[in-house]
Each structure stands twice: as C-alpha cells, then as structure tokens.
Amino acid sequence: MGSEGGIFPAIIGSVYLGILAVIFASSLALATSLYIVFYGKNEMIKSFMRFTISLIAGIPSIILGLFGYSFLVVSLRFNISLFTGGIVLGVMIFPFIEVRFEKAFLEVSRELWEASCAMGVNKVYTILKLIIPVCFKNIMSIVSLAGSFAMGAAAPILFSGGVFYAPVSDSIFSPVMALPLHLYILIGEGISLENAYGTAVVLVLILLVLNTCAILLGLWKGKK
C-alpha cells in the first residue's frame, strides 16, 4: 500500500512514459516546425497553426488528462495504459518542443538553405544533412527538457495511464506506475512522508542524469 515493496515499477513506468511522450511529441513538432519554416507559403495557414499551438500550450494539464480519458479511453475504448498516458503527455509537451524547434531552425543561416536549393539539392536532403546537424545540439537539449517535463507531470496521467499499483509489463496497453503519481498518492493519502521524500530524490536524480547525458551528447556531436 505504498509503505513497502520499492518503487522499481514506478521508475520503469516513468521512463517509458517519458520516452513515448517524447517520440510522439517530437515527431509531430518536427514536422510542424519544418513546414512552418521551410515549406509553408500561406501566411494565413501558418498563423492558424501557431494560434492552435498557443491554445494547446494554455490548456491546464489536468484538463488534458480528462480529455485523454474521455477521448482515448471512453470514446476509442483504449485501456488506461502506457499508450494513452504517453499520448496525453505528448500533447502536453508538443507546444514546448514545437516553438523551440521552430526557433532553432530560424536561427540557421538562411544563406545555407538558399545556396543548397540554388545548386539543385533536394529539400529533404538539405534538411537531413545540413539543417538538422547544425541544430542537433539545440534539438537534444529541447528533447531532454521536454522529456524531463513529461516525466515529472502527475496530473495528465492521473486519469489516462497511471495507477496506484501495477507490475512492470512488456505491453504498451497495460497500466503503469509513475514516480510523480506515486509521490502524489504518498503525500495526499498520508501514507508515508519518509517514502515520499525518497521518491522525490529518485525522480530528481533520474532527471539530472537524463539532462546531463543529453548535454554531453550535444557537445560531442557539435565537436564532431
């Protein structure tokens, strides 16, 4: 009942949720930012996309959790699971990633893009071989921060993916434990303040390690 047994399932669940959220949000944010910066020609469409992203950013995380439960669990009949929790967290961090991806791409010298296109180089090749490598350090930092943000959120998964207790499962459609939700239950139910402090320390250490690895990887890629 939260007073013994360890938090290994919660650690694994938090890592899985963060990875799934980052994959979903980064893919969507990368496509959106590339379209706005390099492909979009209609300013009205681009303005509407930015307006929509700003609206998503302003939605409280608990509302996103309720939306995920209503739409994914009730309407689409997915279970409360790692999948639904990861998607909801991905929606939450999508604006955070997209705005910073767009800013990183805008900071790349425009002459680099124009020179490549003038020589007849394919746009996709230019983006993959020139633009993204230049922004790789910033991209890694953005993704790392977004993943840490997702792993530390309890409200979005309260109704969509997290449960009080669940063993480690290899199925993406199984419910999971998560460190922030476990911490919330320990304090909210008055189960064990000492264990709550221990859970908090573990969560902070995990986020610190992830951010440090991302920074080192970015530095190594930048030098290379």
C-alpha atoms as a PDB file:
ATOM      1  CA  MET A   1       0.000   0.000   0.000  1.00  0.00           C
ATOM      2  CA  GLY A   2       2.862   2.361  -0.752  1.00  0.00           C
ATOM      3  CA  SER A   3       4.671   1.813   2.538  1.00  0.00           C
ATOM      4  CA  GLU A   4       6.926  -1.034   1.366  1.00  0.00           C
ATOM      5  CA  GLY A   5       7.881  -3.018  -1.708  1.00  0.00           C
ATOM      6  CA  GLY A   6      10.070  -0.488  -3.517  1.00  0.00           C
ATOM      7  CA  ILE A   7       9.471   1.855  -6.445  1.00  0.00           C
ATOM      8  CA  PHE A   8      11.133  -0.044  -9.288  1.00  0.00           C
ATOM      9  CA  PRO A   9       7.854  -0.360 -11.286  1.00  0.00           C
ATOM     10  CA  ALA A  10       7.306   3.386 -10.866  1.00  0.00           C
ATOM     11  CA  ILE A  11      10.806   4.158 -12.144  1.00  0.00           C
ATOM     12  CA  ILE A  12      10.355   1.973 -15.218  1.00  0.00           C
ATOM     13  CA  GLY A  13       6.864   3.377 -15.831  1.00  0.00           C
ATOM     14  CA  SER A  14       8.117   6.976 -15.673  1.00  0.00           C
ATOM     15  CA  VAL A  15      10.927   6.238 -18.122  1.00  0.00           C
ATOM     16  CA  TYR A  16       8.541   4.513 -20.543  1.00  0.00           C
ATOM     17  CA  LEU A  17       6.033   7.358 -20.324  1.00  0.00           C
ATOM     18  CA  GLY A  18       8.745   9.939 -20.964  1.00  0.00           C
ATOM     19  CA  ILE A  19      10.131   8.055 -23.961  1.00  0.00           C
ATOM     20  CA  LEU A  20       6.709   7.538 -25.553  1.00  0.00           C
ATOM     21  CA  ALA A  21       5.720  11.161 -24.960  1.00  0.00           C
ATOM     22  CA  VAL A  22       8.953  12.468 -26.484  1.00  0.00           C
ATOM     23  CA  ILE A  23       8.669  10.221 -29.546  1.00  0.00           C
ATOM     24  CA  PHE A  24       5.093  11.290 -30.230  1.00  0.00           C
ATOM     25  CA  ALA A  25       5.567  14.998 -29.499  1.00  0.00           C
ATOM     26  CA  SER A  26       8.952  15.333 -31.239  1.00  0.00           C
ATOM     27  CA  SER A  27       7.729  13.690 -34.434  1.00  0.00           C
ATOM     28  CA  LEU A  28       4.703  15.963 -34.610  1.00  0.00           C
ATOM     29  CA  ALA A  29       6.674  19.056 -33.585  1.00  0.00           C
ATOM     30  CA  LEU A  30       9.463  18.374 -36.091  1.00  0.00           C
ATOM     31  CA  ALA A  31       7.014  18.018 -38.977  1.00  0.00           C
ATOM     32  CA  THR A  32       5.091  21.134 -37.915  1.00  0.00           C
ATOM     33  CA  SER A  33       8.152  23.335 -37.428  1.00  0.00           C
ATOM     34  CA  LEU A  34       9.763  22.235 -40.712  1.00  0.00           C
ATOM     35  CA  TYR A  35       6.574  23.042 -42.584  1.00  0.00           C
ATOM     36  CA  ILE A  36       6.244  26.480 -40.993  1.00  0.00           C
ATOM     37  CA  VAL A  37       9.895  27.444 -41.510  1.00  0.00           C
ATOM     38  CA  PHE A  38      10.820  25.844 -44.836  1.00  0.00           C
ATOM     39  CA  TYR A  39       7.710  24.723 -46.715  1.00  0.00           C
ATOM     40  CA  GLY A  40       4.726  26.859 -45.749  1.00  0.00           C
ATOM     41  CA  LYS A  41       3.951  29.716 -48.141  1.00  0.00           C
ATOM     42  CA  ASN A  42       0.449  30.650 -46.993  1.00  0.00           C
ATOM     43  CA  GLU A  43       0.847  33.050 -44.069  1.00  0.00           C
ATOM     44  CA  MET A  44      -2.769  32.561 -43.002  1.00  0.00           C
ATOM     45  CA  ILE A  45      -2.283  28.811 -42.564  1.00  0.00           C
ATOM     46  CA  LYS A  46       0.972  29.348 -40.688  1.00  0.00           C
ATOM     47  CA  SER A  47      -0.670  31.894 -38.394  1.00  0.00           C
ATOM     48  CA  PHE A  48      -3.539  29.497 -37.715  1.00  0.00           C
ATOM     49  CA  MET A  49      -1.082  26.719 -36.852  1.00  0.00           C
ATOM     50  CA  ARG A  50       0.802  28.980 -34.439  1.00  0.00           C
ATOM     51  CA  PHE A  51      -2.502  30.088 -32.885  1.00  0.00           C
ATOM     52  CA  THR A  52      -3.549  26.457 -32.377  1.00  0.00           C
ATOM     53  CA  ILE A  53      -0.209  25.614 -30.781  1.00  0.00           C
ATOM     54  CA  SER A  54      -0.596  28.562 -28.403  1.00  0.00           C
ATOM     55  CA  LEU A  55      -4.069  27.348 -27.441  1.00  0.00           C
ATOM     56  CA  ILE A  56      -2.758  23.864 -26.650  1.00  0.00           C
ATOM     57  CA  ALA A  57       0.022  25.375 -24.547  1.00  0.00           C
ATOM     58  CA  GLY A  58      -2.563  27.240 -22.458  1.00  0.00           C
ATOM     59  CA  ILE A  59      -4.652  24.181 -21.570  1.00  0.00           C
ATOM     60  CA  PRO A  60      -4.171  23.067 -17.935  1.00  0.00           C
ATOM     61  CA  SER A  61      -2.554  19.656 -17.642  1.00  0.00           C
ATOM     62  CA  ILE A  62      -5.437  18.233 -15.604  1.00  0.00           C
ATOM     63  CA  ILE A  63      -7.810  19.138 -18.464  1.00  0.00           C
ATOM     64  CA  LEU A  64      -5.555  17.261 -20.880  1.00  0.00           C
ATOM     65  CA  GLY A  65      -5.801  14.257 -18.582  1.00  0.00           C
ATOM     66  CA  LEU A  66      -9.598  14.444 -18.607  1.00  0.00           C
ATOM     67  CA  PHE A  67      -9.586  14.850 -22.388  1.00  0.00           C
ATOM     68  CA  GLY A  68      -7.327  11.819 -22.755  1.00  0.00           C
ATOM     69  CA  TYR A  69      -9.646   9.770 -20.569  1.00  0.00           C
ATOM     70  CA  SER A  70     -12.802  10.925 -22.398  1.00  0.00           C
ATOM     71  CA  PHE A  71     -11.421  10.572 -25.927  1.00  0.00           C
ATOM     72  CA  LEU A  72      -8.880   7.751 -25.790  1.00  0.00           C
ATOM     73  CA  VAL A  73     -10.295   5.595 -23.001  1.00  0.00           C
ATOM     74  CA  VAL A  74     -14.070   6.155 -23.273  1.00  0.00           C
ATOM     75  CA  SER A  75     -14.606   7.019 -26.959  1.00  0.00           C
ATOM     76  CA  LEU A  76     -11.841   4.998 -28.646  1.00  0.00           C
ATOM     77  CA  ARG A  77     -12.006   2.254 -25.985  1.00  0.00           C
ATOM     78  CA  PHE A  78      -8.291   2.133 -25.224  1.00  0.00           C
ATOM     79  CA  ASN A  79      -7.493   0.988 -21.718  1.00  0.00           C
ATOM     80  CA  ILE A  80      -5.925   3.178 -19.073  1.00  0.00           C
ATOM     81  CA  SER A  81      -2.403   2.327 -20.116  1.00  0.00           C
ATOM     82  CA  LEU A  82       1.111   3.373 -21.011  1.00  0.00           C
ATOM     83  CA  PHE A  83      -0.096   4.190 -24.532  1.00  0.00           C
ATOM     84  CA  THR A  84      -2.852   6.608 -23.503  1.00  0.00           C
ATOM     85  CA  GLY A  85      -0.692   8.209 -20.809  1.00  0.00           C
ATOM     86  CA  GLY A  86       2.185   8.697 -23.239  1.00  0.00           C
ATOM     87  CA  ILE A  87      -0.072  10.284 -25.865  1.00  0.00           C
ATOM     88  CA  VAL A  88      -1.556  12.712 -23.335  1.00  0.00           C
ATOM     89  CA  LEU A  89       1.908  13.665 -22.091  1.00  0.00           C
ATOM     90  CA  GLY A  90       2.997  14.059 -25.715  1.00  0.00           C
ATOM     91  CA  VAL A  91       0.175  16.509 -26.359  1.00  0.00           C
ATOM     92  CA  MET A  92       1.185  18.428 -23.233  1.00  0.00           C
ATOM     93  CA  ILE A  93       4.838  18.866 -24.268  1.00  0.00           C
ATOM     94  CA  PHE A  94       4.137  19.312 -28.010  1.00  0.00           C
ATOM     95  CA  PRO A  95       3.902  23.149 -27.873  1.00  0.00           C
ATOM     96  CA  PHE A  96       7.042  23.307 -25.727  1.00  0.00           C
ATOM     97  CA  ILE A  97       9.007  21.345 -28.339  1.00  0.00           C
ATOM     98  CA  GLU A  98       7.493  22.887 -31.470  1.00  0.00           C
ATOM     99  CA  VAL A  99       8.121  26.511 -30.523  1.00  0.00           C
ATOM    100  CA  ARG A 100      11.754  25.784 -29.674  1.00  0.00           C
ATOM    101  CA  PHE A 101      12.304  23.640 -32.772  1.00  0.00           C
ATOM    102  CA  GLU A 102      10.951  26.471 -34.899  1.00  0.00           C
ATOM    103  CA  LYS A 103      13.229  28.982 -33.169  1.00  0.00           C
ATOM    104  CA  ALA A 104      16.253  26.707 -33.681  1.00  0.00           C
ATOM    105  CA  PHE A 105      15.545  26.349 -37.399  1.00  0.00           C
ATOM    106  CA  LEU A 106      15.013  30.093 -37.816  1.00  0.00           C
ATOM    107  CA  GLU A 107      18.441  30.737 -36.278  1.00  0.00           C
ATOM    108  CA  VAL A 108      20.148  28.710 -39.015  1.00  0.00           C
ATOM    109  CA  SER A 109      21.703  30.961 -41.647  1.00  0.00           C
ATOM    110  CA  ARG A 110      19.181  31.457 -44.451  1.00  0.00           C
ATOM    111  CA  GLU A 111      22.039  31.586 -46.948  1.00  0.00           C
ATOM    112  CA  LEU A 112      22.784  27.922 -46.190  1.00  0.00           C
ATOM    113  CA  TRP A 113      19.269  26.913 -47.242  1.00  0.00           C
ATOM    114  CA  GLU A 114      19.205  29.200 -50.296  1.00  0.00           C
ATOM    115  CA  ALA A 115      22.642  28.092 -51.509  1.00  0.00           C
ATOM    116  CA  SER A 116      21.691  24.428 -51.241  1.00  0.00           C
ATOM    117  CA  CYS A 117      18.433  24.968 -53.123  1.00  0.00           C
ATOM    118  CA  ALA A 118      20.225  27.094 -55.760  1.00  0.00           C
ATOM    119  CA  MET A 119      22.532  24.171 -56.519  1.00  0.00           C
ATOM    120  CA  GLY A 120      19.533  21.929 -57.079  1.00  0.00           C
ATOM    121  CA  VAL A 121      19.911  19.896 -53.904  1.00  0.00           C
ATOM    122  CA  ASN A 122      16.726  18.142 -52.792  1.00  0.00           C
ATOM    123  CA  LYS A 123      14.952  19.885 -49.879  1.00  0.00           C
ATOM    124  CA  VAL A 124      14.708  16.701 -47.848  1.00  0.00           C
ATOM    125  CA  TYR A 125      18.428  16.028 -48.281  1.00  0.00           C
ATOM    126  CA  THR A 126      19.233  19.622 -47.298  1.00  0.00           C
ATOM    127  CA  ILE A 127      17.175  19.333 -44.117  1.00  0.00           C
ATOM    128  CA  LEU A 128      18.593  15.943 -43.121  1.00  0.00           C
ATOM    129  CA  LYS A 129      22.235  16.603 -43.973  1.00  0.00           C
ATOM    130  CA  LEU A 130      22.628  20.350 -43.373  1.00  0.00           C
ATOM    131  CA  ILE A 131      19.874  21.918 -41.265  1.00  0.00           C
ATOM    132  CA  ILE A 132      19.292  19.243 -38.606  1.00  0.00           C
ATOM    133  CA  PRO A 133      23.034  18.563 -37.960  1.00  0.00           C
ATOM    134  CA  VAL A 134      23.558  22.294 -37.373  1.00  0.00           C
ATOM    135  CA  CYS A 135      20.677  22.312 -34.872  1.00  0.00           C
ATOM    136  CA  PHE A 136      21.440  18.935 -33.316  1.00  0.00           C
ATOM    137  CA  LYS A 137      22.787  20.323 -30.049  1.00  0.00           C
ATOM    138  CA  ASN A 138      19.722  22.520 -29.556  1.00  0.00           C
ATOM    139  CA  ILE A 139      17.395  19.677 -30.556  1.00  0.00           C
ATOM    140  CA  MET A 140      18.903  17.336 -27.977  1.00  0.00           C
ATOM    141  CA  SER A 141      18.592  19.954 -25.255  1.00  0.00           C
ATOM    142  CA  ILE A 142      14.969  20.665 -26.183  1.00  0.00           C
ATOM    143  CA  VAL A 143      14.007  16.981 -26.264  1.00  0.00           C
ATOM    144  CA  SER A 144      15.765  16.329 -22.971  1.00  0.00           C
ATOM    145  CA  LEU A 145      13.992  19.184 -21.214  1.00  0.00           C
ATOM    146  CA  ALA A 146      10.649  18.131 -22.683  1.00  0.00           C
ATOM    147  CA  GLY A 147      11.187  14.531 -21.576  1.00  0.00           C
ATOM    148  CA  SER A 148      12.029  15.703 -18.060  1.00  0.00           C
ATOM    149  CA  PHE A 149       8.905  17.861 -18.077  1.00  0.00           C
ATOM    150  CA  ALA A 150       6.789  14.864 -19.100  1.00  0.00           C
ATOM    151  CA  MET A 151       8.333  12.508 -16.543  1.00  0.00           C
ATOM    152  CA  GLY A 152       7.650  14.980 -13.739  1.00  0.00           C
ATOM    153  CA  ALA A 153       3.961  15.541 -14.514  1.00  0.00           C
ATOM    154  CA  ALA A 154       1.306  13.750 -12.480  1.00  0.00           C
ATOM    155  CA  ALA A 155      -1.984  15.396 -13.497  1.00  0.00           C
ATOM    156  CA  PRO A 156      -2.070  14.309 -17.190  1.00  0.00           C
ATOM    157  CA  ILE A 157      -1.678  10.609 -16.359  1.00  0.00           C
ATOM    158  CA  LEU A 158      -3.948  10.664 -13.320  1.00  0.00           C
ATOM    159  CA  PHE A 159      -6.933   9.563 -15.433  1.00  0.00           C
ATOM    160  CA  SER A 160      -5.252   8.214 -18.552  1.00  0.00           C
ATOM    161  CA  GLY A 161      -2.304   5.958 -17.775  1.00  0.00           C
ATOM    162  CA  GLY A 162      -1.132   5.871 -14.187  1.00  0.00           C
ATOM    163  CA  VAL A 163      -2.446   3.612 -11.440  1.00  0.00           C
ATOM    164  CA  PHE A 164      -1.713   3.147  -7.736  1.00  0.00           C
ATOM    165  CA  TYR A 165      -0.009  -0.197  -8.279  1.00  0.00           C
ATOM    166  CA  ALA A 166       0.955  -2.188 -11.361  1.00  0.00           C
ATOM    167  CA  PRO A 167       3.823  -4.602 -12.011  1.00  0.00           C
ATOM    168  CA  VAL A 168       6.307  -3.959 -14.800  1.00  0.00           C
ATOM    169  CA  SER A 169       4.708  -5.108 -18.063  1.00  0.00           C
ATOM    170  CA  ASP A 170       6.049  -5.515 -21.596  1.00  0.00           C
ATOM    171  CA  SER A 171       2.735  -4.417 -23.117  1.00  0.00           C
ATOM    172  CA  ILE A 172       2.195  -0.830 -24.203  1.00  0.00           C
ATOM    173  CA  PHE A 173      -1.513  -1.228 -23.461  1.00  0.00           C
ATOM    174  CA  SER A 174      -1.059  -2.076 -19.775  1.00  0.00           C
ATOM    175  CA  PRO A 175      -1.399   0.463 -16.949  1.00  0.00           C
ATOM    176  CA  VAL A 176       1.800   1.682 -15.330  1.00  0.00           C
ATOM    177  CA  MET A 177       3.045   3.258 -12.151  1.00  0.00           C
ATOM    178  CA  ALA A 178       4.834   6.605 -12.308  1.00  0.00           C
ATOM    179  CA  LEU A 179       7.043   8.389  -9.815  1.00  0.00           C
ATOM    180  CA  PRO A 180       5.151  11.731  -9.719  1.00  0.00           C
ATOM    181  CA  LEU A 181       1.792   9.987  -9.311  1.00  0.00           C
ATOM    182  CA  HIS A 182       3.250   7.688  -6.651  1.00  0.00           C
ATOM    183  CA  LEU A 183       4.617  10.748  -4.852  1.00  0.00           C
ATOM    184  CA  TYR A 184       1.229  12.464  -5.051  1.00  0.00           C
ATOM    185  CA  ILE A 185      -0.526   9.422  -3.555  1.00  0.00           C
ATOM    186  CA  LEU A 186       2.011   9.023  -0.750  1.00  0.00           C
ATOM    187  CA  ILE A 187       1.534  12.631   0.347  1.00  0.00           C
ATOM    188  CA  GLY A 188      -2.157  13.026  -0.473  1.00  0.00           C
ATOM    189  CA  GLU A 189      -3.178   9.878   1.380  1.00  0.00           C
ATOM    190  CA  GLY A 190      -0.730  10.451   4.228  1.00  0.00           C
ATOM    191  CA  ILE A 191       0.837   7.007   3.731  1.00  0.00           C
ATOM    192  CA  SER A 192       4.493   7.779   4.316  1.00  0.00           C
ATOM    193  CA  LEU A 193       6.200  11.159   4.226  1.00  0.00           C
ATOM    194  CA  GLU A 194       9.624   9.498   4.507  1.00  0.00           C
ATOM    195  CA  ASN A 195       8.991   7.347   1.433  1.00  0.00           C
ATOM    196  CA  ALA A 196       7.665  10.435  -0.368  1.00  0.00           C
ATOM    197  CA  TYR A 197      10.988  12.207   0.166  1.00  0.00           C
ATOM    198  CA  GLY A 198      12.816   9.125  -1.095  1.00  0.00           C
ATOM    199  CA  THR A 199      10.650   9.014  -4.225  1.00  0.00           C
ATOM    200  CA  ALA A 200      11.270  12.705  -4.851  1.00  0.00           C
ATOM    201  CA  VAL A 201      15.038  12.260  -4.587  1.00  0.00           C
ATOM    202  CA  VAL A 202      14.995   9.358  -7.048  1.00  0.00           C
ATOM    203  CA  LEU A 203      12.910  11.362  -9.528  1.00  0.00           C
ATOM    204  CA  VAL A 204      15.240  14.370  -9.332  1.00  0.00           C
ATOM    205  CA  LEU A 205      18.318  12.167  -9.797  1.00  0.00           C
ATOM    206  CA  ILE A 206      16.836  10.482 -12.873  1.00  0.00           C
ATOM    207  CA  LEU A 207      16.023  13.843 -14.460  1.00  0.00           C
ATOM    208  CA  LEU A 208      19.521  15.107 -13.627  1.00  0.00           C
ATOM    209  CA  VAL A 209      21.160  12.094 -15.283  1.00  0.00           C
ATOM    210  CA  LEU A 210      18.992  12.409 -18.404  1.00  0.00           C
ATOM    211  CA  ASN A 211      19.763  16.099 -18.833  1.00  0.00           C
ATOM    212  CA  THR A 212      23.488  15.546 -18.268  1.00  0.00           C
ATOM    213  CA  CYS A 213      23.600  12.772 -20.895  1.00  0.00           C
ATOM    214  CA  ALA A 214      21.761  14.962 -23.406  1.00  0.00           C
ATOM    215  CA  ILE A 215      24.162  17.874 -22.840  1.00  0.00           C
ATOM    216  CA  LEU A 216      27.227  15.641 -23.239  1.00  0.00           C
ATOM    217  CA  LEU A 217      25.802  14.085 -26.402  1.00  0.00           C
ATOM    218  CA  GLY A 218      25.089  17.516 -27.822  1.00  0.00           C
ATOM    219  CA  LEU A 219      28.625  18.705 -27.070  1.00  0.00           C
ATOM    220  CA  TRP A 220      30.142  15.588 -28.639  1.00  0.00           C
ATOM    221  CA  LYS A 221      28.037  15.948 -31.781  1.00  0.00           C
ATOM    222  CA  GLY A 222      28.823  19.633 -32.007  1.00  0.00           C
ATOM    223  CA  LYS A 223      32.593  18.983 -31.891  1.00  0.00           C
ATOM    224  CA  LYS A 224      32.266  16.172 -34.413  1.00  0.00           C
END
